[in-house]
Structures are given as C-alpha cells and as structure tokens.
Protein backbone atom coordinates (compact mmCIF):
# COMPACT_ATOMS: atom_id res chain seq x y z
CA LYS A 1 59.58 17.43 14.49
CA PRO A 2 62.98 18.45 14.02
CA SER A 3 64.15 21.67 17.27
CA PHE A 4 63.59 25.23 16.93
CA THR A 5 66.04 26.95 15.00
CA LYS A 6 66.93 30.68 15.17
CA LYS A 7 65.56 33.17 12.84
CA GLN A 8 66.19 37.01 12.32
CA ALA A 9 64.09 39.00 10.27
CA ASP A 10 65.18 43.06 9.07
CA LEU A 11 62.43 44.88 10.06
CA PHE A 12 61.97 47.86 6.88
CA PHE A 13 60.15 50.97 7.94
CA PRO A 14 59.51 53.21 5.53
CA PRO A 15 61.20 56.84 4.99
CA ASP A 16 58.54 58.89 6.76
CA PHE A 17 58.74 56.49 9.97
CA ALA A 18 62.53 56.50 10.63
CA ASP A 19 61.86 57.27 14.11
CA ASP A 20 59.34 54.37 14.54
CA PHE A 21 60.15 51.05 16.87
CA PRO A 22 58.91 47.54 17.53
CA VAL A 23 56.77 48.32 21.18
CA ALA A 24 54.93 44.58 21.33
CA MET A 25 55.26 41.12 19.33
CA GLN A 26 51.91 39.25 19.56
CA ILE A 27 52.18 35.06 18.19
CA SER A 28 49.21 33.52 16.36
CA HIS A 29 49.05 29.97 17.71
CA LYS A 30 46.52 29.32 15.13
CA TYR A 31 48.73 30.45 12.34
CA SER A 32 51.94 30.62 13.92
CA LEU A 33 52.23 33.84 12.58
CA ILE A 34 54.19 36.22 14.47
CA TYR A 35 52.71 39.99 14.42
CA VAL A 36 55.30 42.98 15.74
CA ILE A 37 53.33 46.27 15.92
CA THR A 38 55.28 50.14 15.99
CA LYS A 39 54.28 52.70 18.05
CA LEU A 40 52.84 54.61 15.28
CA GLY A 41 50.58 51.69 13.82
CA LEU A 42 52.17 49.74 11.34
CA LEU A 43 52.09 46.07 11.60
CA PHE A 44 54.48 43.67 10.13
CA VAL A 45 53.36 40.23 10.21
CA TYR A 46 56.19 37.39 9.96
CA ASP A 47 55.98 33.46 9.06
CA LEU A 48 57.22 31.55 12.65
CA GLU A 49 58.92 29.17 11.04
CA THR A 50 59.96 30.94 8.81
CA ALA A 51 60.88 34.25 9.72
CA THR A 52 59.50 35.24 6.53
CA ALA A 53 57.84 38.96 5.64
CA VAL A 54 53.88 38.26 4.88
CA TYR A 55 52.52 41.33 5.86
CA ARG A 56 53.29 45.34 6.88
CA ASN A 57 50.54 47.85 6.73
CA ARG A 58 49.70 50.89 8.80
CA ILE A 59 46.69 49.79 11.93
CA SER A 60 46.35 53.00 13.76
CA PRO A 61 47.01 56.73 12.42
CA ASP A 62 47.61 57.50 16.91
CA PRO A 63 50.47 55.56 18.58
CA ILE A 64 49.71 51.80 20.37
CA PHE A 65 50.48 51.66 24.08
CA LEU A 66 48.65 48.02 24.62
CA THR A 67 48.59 45.22 23.20
CA SER A 68 47.43 41.62 24.18
CA GLU A 69 46.42 38.26 21.93
CA ALA A 70 43.33 36.87 20.69
CA THR A 71 43.59 33.99 20.80
CA SER A 72 40.02 33.11 19.61
CA VAL A 73 40.66 34.28 16.23
CA GLY A 74 44.32 33.82 16.22
CA GLY A 75 45.15 38.13 16.35
CA PHE A 76 45.26 40.30 18.75
CA TYR A 77 44.07 43.74 19.78
CA ALA A 78 45.43 47.05 20.39
CA ILE A 79 44.41 50.07 21.55
CA ASN A 80 46.24 53.04 20.20
CA ARG A 81 46.22 57.18 22.18
CA ARG A 82 42.75 57.63 21.29
CA GLY A 83 41.61 54.73 23.26
CA GLN A 84 40.57 52.96 20.58
CA VAL A 85 40.41 48.64 20.89
CA LEU A 86 42.06 47.55 17.72
CA LEU A 87 41.26 43.91 16.48
CA ALA A 88 43.50 42.36 13.72
CA THR A 89 43.78 39.15 12.43
CA VAL A 90 44.22 37.44 9.12
CA ASN A 91 41.67 36.86 6.80
CA GLU A 92 41.50 33.23 6.49
CA GLN A 93 39.44 33.51 2.91
CA THR A 94 42.22 35.54 1.50
CA ILE A 95 45.94 35.27 2.97
CA VAL A 96 46.23 31.87 1.27
CA ASP A 97 45.48 33.65 -2.68
CA PHE A 98 48.09 36.56 -1.36
CA VAL A 99 50.62 34.75 -0.50
CA SER A 100 51.10 32.51 -3.21
CA GLY A 101 49.63 35.40 -5.42
CA GLN A 102 51.81 38.64 -4.36
CA LEU A 103 54.52 36.98 -2.42
CA LYS A 104 54.78 34.55 -5.33
CA ASN A 105 55.84 31.97 -2.00
CA LEU A 106 54.19 28.98 -2.35
CA GLU A 107 55.38 26.87 0.12
CA LEU A 108 54.47 28.99 2.11
CA ALA A 109 50.99 29.26 1.09
CA VAL A 110 50.76 25.55 1.46
CA ASN A 111 52.46 25.67 4.67
CA LEU A 112 50.00 28.13 5.86
CA ALA A 113 46.78 26.74 5.03
CA LYS A 114 48.20 23.42 6.52
CA ARG A 115 48.37 24.20 10.12
CA GLY A 116 45.99 26.79 9.89
CA ASN A 117 43.60 24.54 7.96
CA LEU A 118 42.67 27.24 5.16
CA PRO A 119 41.31 27.68 1.81
CA GLY A 120 42.27 28.60 -1.00
CA ALA A 121 45.41 25.30 -1.32
CA GLU A 122 43.52 23.51 -3.53
CA LYS A 123 44.60 24.51 -6.70
CA LEU A 124 47.85 24.46 -5.82
C-alpha cells in the first residue's frame, strides 16, 4: 500500500452555527471514516482516505462535551449537557446507496462497500 498522504477538508457550518467549533474527532477503523463532532451537536462524517465529505447533521440539541469510540459498531458514543448518552454509527443497509445516489460518488461507494463489507454495491 502507498504511504499515507496528508488530506485537508473544510467544515462548512450553517449560518446559525457560525460560532460552533469541533470538540471531538473519532475514527471508525471498521469503515475508514472520520467523525467530527462539534460543541453544538453537529456531526460531520468524512472518508478517511480521500477526506471526502459523506454526511452532516445535528445529532444533539444540547452541547456535546465528551465522546468515545464504539469499536464494535464502528461508531462513537457522545454525552451531551443534559446527560444523554448518544450512540452514532453508520447505517450499513443504506450508506452505499446514499453515497452513490445522493452524493453521486460511485468510486467512494464501492470503496466503502469493500472496506466495510457492506451491501449495496452489487449493482454498481
């Protein structure tokens, strides 16, 4: 395998989250994804190899202050100010279709399917 090359990706915050900032980064070794979690509860998901943005959504209405890897499911746990423990991970049944259909990135969809042994790439 070729050596790792440095990749860079910008975080695009919605206007109402202009003062938000990352507080945690978790790597999913199972799917080769990076989860970036912000103080105000936004989740950014990037492909580890290409730094391609895969997903962004708010996962908590309350500030996040602690995260930990959830190795067995390829995701992470987070605790918010309210004391809720959140578990976030990839939906194995839909991620390949989402990346190929919504993101129009067939190469990334096939690579995700191969790395994670995920369904959905058979027709690609």
